[in-house]
């Protein structure tokens, strides 16, 4: 993986500084501070209504914060649209994955960004690029890159969605409940994929209600409660009981809350 994915030494890939978001009288986010490093998995956890979706949509350019600042590689950025976030290198893989079941893997990865040669689709190069990307992500269970996406398992579909983000030069990949509704085997496929993604130098944010999955892959954990960041830091500072305390009450005697 090229060095261009890496931020300056000691500088987080993405920094949220005092991010706030209101919807009328409802305060969805209040002064959120959070650092997202490159090459690490940051788990964002919180109960329903804690502000996870609002925060992710703010990072993804869907909503703009009412106050605060986002810094990318140390430089202030204003993400007014999802395209602005994508152009910067932020890719979000939502639960529905936004895949076309009737198209094969190659067609899904290059949809809207097809390669041409002599005015015709360069099927050979697209197929080779797809195979290289899946190999780099250690995705070995796909029978053929010409397999319709509708025939894939849940874990394989997640892999295709992530591969599309990687192929489009994402530097930060946000995964929303990536193991929801998956069995044990497919969950392991996705967790391995997340770790492989981070090992290439890409920053990863995982939103999940499954604390076993969180503890299995996260190097950092951030806990939201009622729109506030109540704790964040290295994963080894947390255990499942402390995370549950923080999610449900905003505090925990098992751990001292730490600012990012």
Protein backbone atom coordinates (compact mmCIF):
# COMPACT_ATOMS: atom_id res chain seq x y z
CA UNK A 1 0.00 0.00 0.00
CA UNK A 2 1.43 3.38 -0.94
CA UNK A 3 2.47 5.97 1.63
CA UNK A 4 -0.13 8.41 0.32
CA UNK A 5 -2.69 6.78 2.61
CA UNK A 6 -0.72 7.82 5.67
CA UNK A 7 -1.25 11.16 7.42
CA UNK A 8 1.61 13.20 8.82
CA UNK A 9 3.40 11.49 11.70
CA UNK A 10 1.48 11.88 14.94
CA UNK A 11 -1.48 13.49 13.17
CA UNK A 12 -4.84 11.68 13.22
CA UNK A 13 -6.40 11.01 9.87
CA UNK A 14 -9.62 12.67 11.01
CA UNK A 15 -10.17 14.90 14.04
CA UNK A 16 -13.57 16.03 15.27
CA UNK A 17 -13.29 19.16 17.39
CA UNK A 18 -16.35 20.40 19.25
CA UNK A 19 -18.84 19.00 16.73
CA UNK A 20 -22.45 19.88 17.51
CA UNK A 21 -25.67 19.23 15.64
CA UNK A 22 -29.22 20.33 16.43
CA UNK A 23 -32.52 19.42 14.83
CA UNK A 24 -34.79 22.23 15.92
CA UNK A 25 -34.86 22.15 19.73
CA UNK A 26 -33.34 18.66 19.83
CA UNK A 27 -29.60 18.53 20.47
CA UNK A 28 -28.40 15.43 18.63
CA UNK A 29 -24.65 15.99 19.17
CA UNK A 30 -22.99 18.12 21.82
CA UNK A 31 -19.33 19.18 21.52
CA UNK A 32 -17.99 15.91 20.16
CA UNK A 33 -14.20 15.55 20.25
CA UNK A 34 -12.72 12.45 18.64
CA UNK A 35 -9.55 11.43 16.83
CA UNK A 36 -9.66 8.72 14.15
CA UNK A 37 -6.16 7.37 13.38
CA UNK A 38 -5.15 5.77 10.11
CA UNK A 39 -4.48 2.05 10.20
CA UNK A 40 -6.65 1.43 13.26
CA UNK A 41 -10.20 0.25 13.95
CA UNK A 42 -12.26 2.69 16.02
CA UNK A 43 -15.52 1.24 17.34
CA UNK A 44 -18.33 3.74 17.82
CA UNK A 45 -20.88 2.39 20.29
CA UNK A 46 -23.96 3.74 21.98
CA UNK A 47 -27.58 2.89 22.70
CA UNK A 48 -30.36 3.74 20.27
CA UNK A 49 -30.70 7.51 20.06
CA UNK A 50 -27.17 8.13 21.34
CA UNK A 51 -26.19 10.04 18.19
CA UNK A 52 -24.20 7.43 16.26
CA UNK A 53 -26.13 7.86 13.02
CA UNK A 54 -26.03 11.65 13.25
CA UNK A 55 -22.27 11.59 13.81
CA UNK A 56 -21.64 9.23 10.91
CA UNK A 57 -23.83 11.24 8.55
CA UNK A 58 -21.94 14.37 9.58
CA UNK A 59 -18.60 12.74 8.78
CA UNK A 60 -20.07 11.44 5.49
CA UNK A 61 -21.17 14.89 4.34
CA UNK A 62 -24.90 14.18 4.49
CA UNK A 63 -25.44 16.68 7.29
CA UNK A 64 -23.29 19.67 8.19
CA UNK A 65 -22.47 20.39 11.84
CA UNK A 66 -23.97 23.48 13.45
CA UNK A 67 -20.69 24.19 15.18
CA UNK A 68 -17.26 22.68 15.61
CA UNK A 69 -14.68 21.65 13.04
CA UNK A 70 -13.53 18.61 11.10
CA UNK A 71 -9.82 18.33 10.37
CA UNK A 72 -8.49 15.95 7.71
CA UNK A 73 -4.76 15.26 7.99
CA UNK A 74 -4.63 18.32 10.25
CA UNK A 75 -6.36 20.66 7.79
CA UNK A 76 -9.89 22.08 8.31
CA UNK A 77 -12.43 20.71 5.84
CA UNK A 78 -16.08 21.47 5.10
CA UNK A 79 -18.00 18.46 3.83
CA UNK A 80 -21.10 19.99 2.26
CA UNK A 81 -22.07 16.87 0.29
CA UNK A 82 -21.43 13.11 0.30
CA UNK A 83 -19.42 13.61 -2.89
CA UNK A 84 -17.12 16.04 -1.07
CA UNK A 85 -16.50 13.39 1.58
CA UNK A 86 -15.93 10.70 -1.05
CA UNK A 87 -13.52 12.91 -2.98
CA UNK A 88 -11.56 13.37 0.24
CA UNK A 89 -11.35 9.62 0.76
CA UNK A 90 -14.24 8.88 3.13
CA UNK A 91 -16.40 5.89 2.21
CA UNK A 92 -19.44 4.72 4.16
CA UNK A 93 -20.71 1.15 3.89
CA UNK A 94 -24.29 1.23 5.17
CA UNK A 95 -26.26 -1.81 6.25
CA UNK A 96 -28.04 -2.10 2.90
CA UNK A 97 -24.60 -2.08 1.16
CA UNK A 98 -26.02 -0.33 -1.96
CA UNK A 99 -25.10 -3.25 -4.22
CA UNK A 100 -26.87 -4.30 -7.43
CA UNK A 101 -27.87 -7.93 -7.02
CA UNK A 102 -28.38 -8.47 -10.75
CA UNK A 103 -24.80 -7.41 -11.60
CA UNK A 104 -21.65 -9.43 -11.00
CA UNK A 105 -18.82 -8.46 -8.65
CA UNK A 106 -16.75 -6.70 -11.33
CA UNK A 107 -19.73 -4.68 -12.52
CA UNK A 108 -20.56 -3.62 -8.96
CA UNK A 109 -17.02 -2.53 -8.19
CA UNK A 110 -16.76 -0.41 -11.35
CA UNK A 111 -20.37 0.81 -11.55
CA UNK A 112 -20.20 4.44 -12.62
CA UNK A 113 -16.41 4.28 -12.96
CA UNK A 114 -15.97 1.78 -15.78
CA UNK A 115 -12.59 1.50 -17.51
CA UNK A 116 -12.53 2.07 -21.25
CA UNK A 117 -10.07 1.12 -23.98
CA UNK A 118 -10.64 2.24 -27.54
CA UNK A 119 -14.13 3.41 -26.63
CA UNK A 120 -15.11 -0.04 -25.33
CA UNK A 121 -15.32 -1.45 -21.83
CA UNK A 122 -11.94 -2.83 -20.75
CA UNK A 123 -13.37 -6.00 -19.25
CA UNK A 124 -9.97 -7.68 -18.84
CA UNK A 125 -8.40 -4.86 -16.80
CA UNK A 126 -11.52 -4.44 -14.65
CA UNK A 127 -11.55 -8.16 -13.92
CA UNK A 128 -7.84 -8.20 -13.05
CA UNK A 129 -8.22 -5.15 -10.80
CA UNK A 130 -11.13 -6.80 -9.02
CA UNK A 131 -9.11 -9.97 -8.39
CA UNK A 132 -6.14 -7.95 -7.11
CA UNK A 133 -8.28 -5.95 -4.71
CA UNK A 134 -10.03 -9.01 -3.30
CA UNK A 135 -6.67 -10.76 -2.90
CA UNK A 136 -5.21 -7.74 -1.10
CA UNK A 137 -8.15 -7.90 1.31
CA UNK A 138 -7.61 -11.67 1.75
CA UNK A 139 -11.06 -12.42 0.35
CA UNK A 140 -10.57 -15.95 -0.93
CA UNK A 141 -14.07 -17.43 -0.62
CA UNK A 142 -15.56 -15.92 -3.78
CA UNK A 143 -15.93 -18.57 -6.47
CA UNK A 144 -15.71 -16.15 -9.39
CA UNK A 145 -15.55 -12.37 -9.80
CA UNK A 146 -18.23 -12.84 -12.46
CA UNK A 147 -20.59 -14.28 -9.87
CA UNK A 148 -23.83 -12.26 -9.48
CA UNK A 149 -23.78 -10.36 -6.20
CA UNK A 150 -27.29 -11.64 -5.47
CA UNK A 151 -25.83 -15.15 -5.10
CA UNK A 152 -23.26 -14.17 -2.46
CA UNK A 153 -23.42 -14.75 1.29
CA UNK A 154 -23.78 -11.85 3.71
CA UNK A 155 -20.07 -11.83 4.52
CA UNK A 156 -19.10 -11.93 0.85
CA UNK A 157 -21.44 -9.03 0.10
CA UNK A 158 -19.76 -6.98 2.82
CA UNK A 159 -16.42 -7.83 1.23
CA UNK A 160 -17.61 -6.57 -2.16
CA UNK A 161 -18.85 -3.30 -0.66
CA UNK A 162 -15.53 -2.78 1.14
CA UNK A 163 -13.54 -3.72 -1.97
CA UNK A 164 -15.43 -1.05 -3.91
CA UNK A 165 -14.39 1.55 -1.32
CA UNK A 166 -10.76 0.41 -1.45
CA UNK A 167 -10.70 0.43 -5.24
CA UNK A 168 -11.89 4.03 -5.18
CA UNK A 169 -8.97 5.02 -2.97
CA UNK A 170 -10.81 5.38 0.33
CA UNK A 171 -8.60 6.40 3.25
CA UNK A 172 -11.35 6.09 5.86
CA UNK A 173 -14.03 3.39 5.67
CA UNK A 174 -17.09 3.64 7.92
CA UNK A 175 -18.98 0.37 8.43
CA UNK A 176 -22.51 0.51 9.85
CA UNK A 177 -23.47 -2.68 11.74
CA UNK A 178 -21.38 -4.86 9.40
CA UNK A 179 -22.16 -8.14 11.21
CA UNK A 180 -25.88 -7.57 11.76
CA UNK A 181 -27.96 -10.67 10.90
CA UNK A 182 -24.86 -12.73 10.02
CA UNK A 183 -24.12 -16.21 11.33
CA UNK A 184 -20.94 -17.18 13.17
CA UNK A 185 -18.95 -18.16 10.08
CA UNK A 186 -19.88 -15.08 8.05
CA UNK A 187 -19.28 -12.82 11.05
CA UNK A 188 -15.72 -14.13 11.26
CA UNK A 189 -15.26 -13.39 7.55
CA UNK A 190 -16.30 -9.76 8.11
CA UNK A 191 -14.22 -9.29 11.27
CA UNK A 192 -11.15 -10.66 9.46
CA UNK A 193 -11.90 -8.27 6.60
CA UNK A 194 -12.05 -5.28 8.99
CA UNK A 195 -8.68 -6.17 10.49
CA UNK A 196 -7.16 -6.69 7.06
CA UNK A 197 -8.50 -3.32 5.96
CA UNK A 198 -6.83 -1.55 8.88
CA UNK A 199 -3.56 -3.43 8.29
CA UNK A 200 -3.25 -1.72 4.89
CA UNK A 201 -3.16 1.70 6.58
CA UNK A 202 -6.81 2.62 6.07
CA UNK A 203 -8.71 4.08 9.01
CA UNK A 204 -11.85 2.16 9.94
CA UNK A 205 -14.87 3.22 11.98
CA UNK A 206 -17.19 0.39 12.99
CA UNK A 207 -20.65 1.02 14.40
CA UNK A 208 -21.97 -2.06 16.18
CA UNK A 209 -24.31 -3.16 18.96
CA UNK A 210 -22.42 -6.46 19.25
CA UNK A 211 -19.83 -5.90 21.97
CA UNK A 212 -18.18 -9.26 21.31
CA UNK A 213 -17.46 -8.12 17.75
CA UNK A 214 -16.30 -4.72 19.00
CA UNK A 215 -13.84 -6.22 21.46
CA UNK A 216 -12.58 -8.64 18.80
CA UNK A 217 -11.49 -6.02 16.25
CA UNK A 218 -11.31 -2.54 17.78
CA UNK A 219 -8.03 -0.91 18.73
CA UNK A 220 -9.94 2.15 19.98
CA UNK A 221 -13.43 2.55 21.42
CA UNK A 222 -15.62 5.65 21.57
CA UNK A 223 -18.87 5.65 23.55
CA UNK A 224 -21.77 8.02 22.90
CA UNK A 225 -24.56 8.69 25.39
CA UNK A 226 -27.40 11.10 24.66
CA UNK A 227 -25.37 12.97 22.05
CA UNK A 228 -22.23 13.30 24.16
CA UNK A 229 -18.90 11.52 23.88
CA UNK A 230 -18.64 10.09 27.39
CA UNK A 231 -15.47 8.05 26.92
CA UNK A 232 -12.90 7.19 24.28
CA UNK A 233 -9.49 5.65 24.17
CA UNK A 234 -7.52 2.44 23.57
CA UNK A 235 -9.69 -0.68 23.60
CA UNK A 236 -7.64 -2.30 26.35
CA UNK A 237 -8.96 0.33 28.77
CA UNK A 238 -12.48 -1.04 28.41
CA UNK A 239 -14.31 -4.24 29.16
CA UNK A 240 -17.84 -5.15 28.12
CA UNK A 241 -19.35 -4.28 31.50
CA UNK A 242 -17.79 -0.81 31.46
CA UNK A 243 -19.05 -0.18 27.92
CA UNK A 244 -22.58 -1.19 28.92
CA UNK A 245 -22.41 1.17 31.92
CA UNK A 246 -21.28 4.03 29.70
CA UNK A 247 -23.88 3.32 27.02
CA UNK A 248 -26.77 3.20 29.47
CA UNK A 249 -25.83 5.79 32.12
CA UNK A 250 -22.98 7.85 30.63
CA UNK A 251 -20.61 6.91 33.46
CA UNK A 252 -18.86 3.85 34.81
CA UNK A 253 -16.97 3.17 38.02
CA UNK A 254 -15.07 0.47 36.13
CA UNK A 255 -13.21 3.03 34.03
CA UNK A 256 -12.33 6.72 34.20
CA UNK A 257 -13.83 8.58 31.24
CA UNK A 258 -11.15 10.05 29.03
CA UNK A 259 -11.34 12.73 26.40
CA UNK A 260 -10.07 11.73 22.93
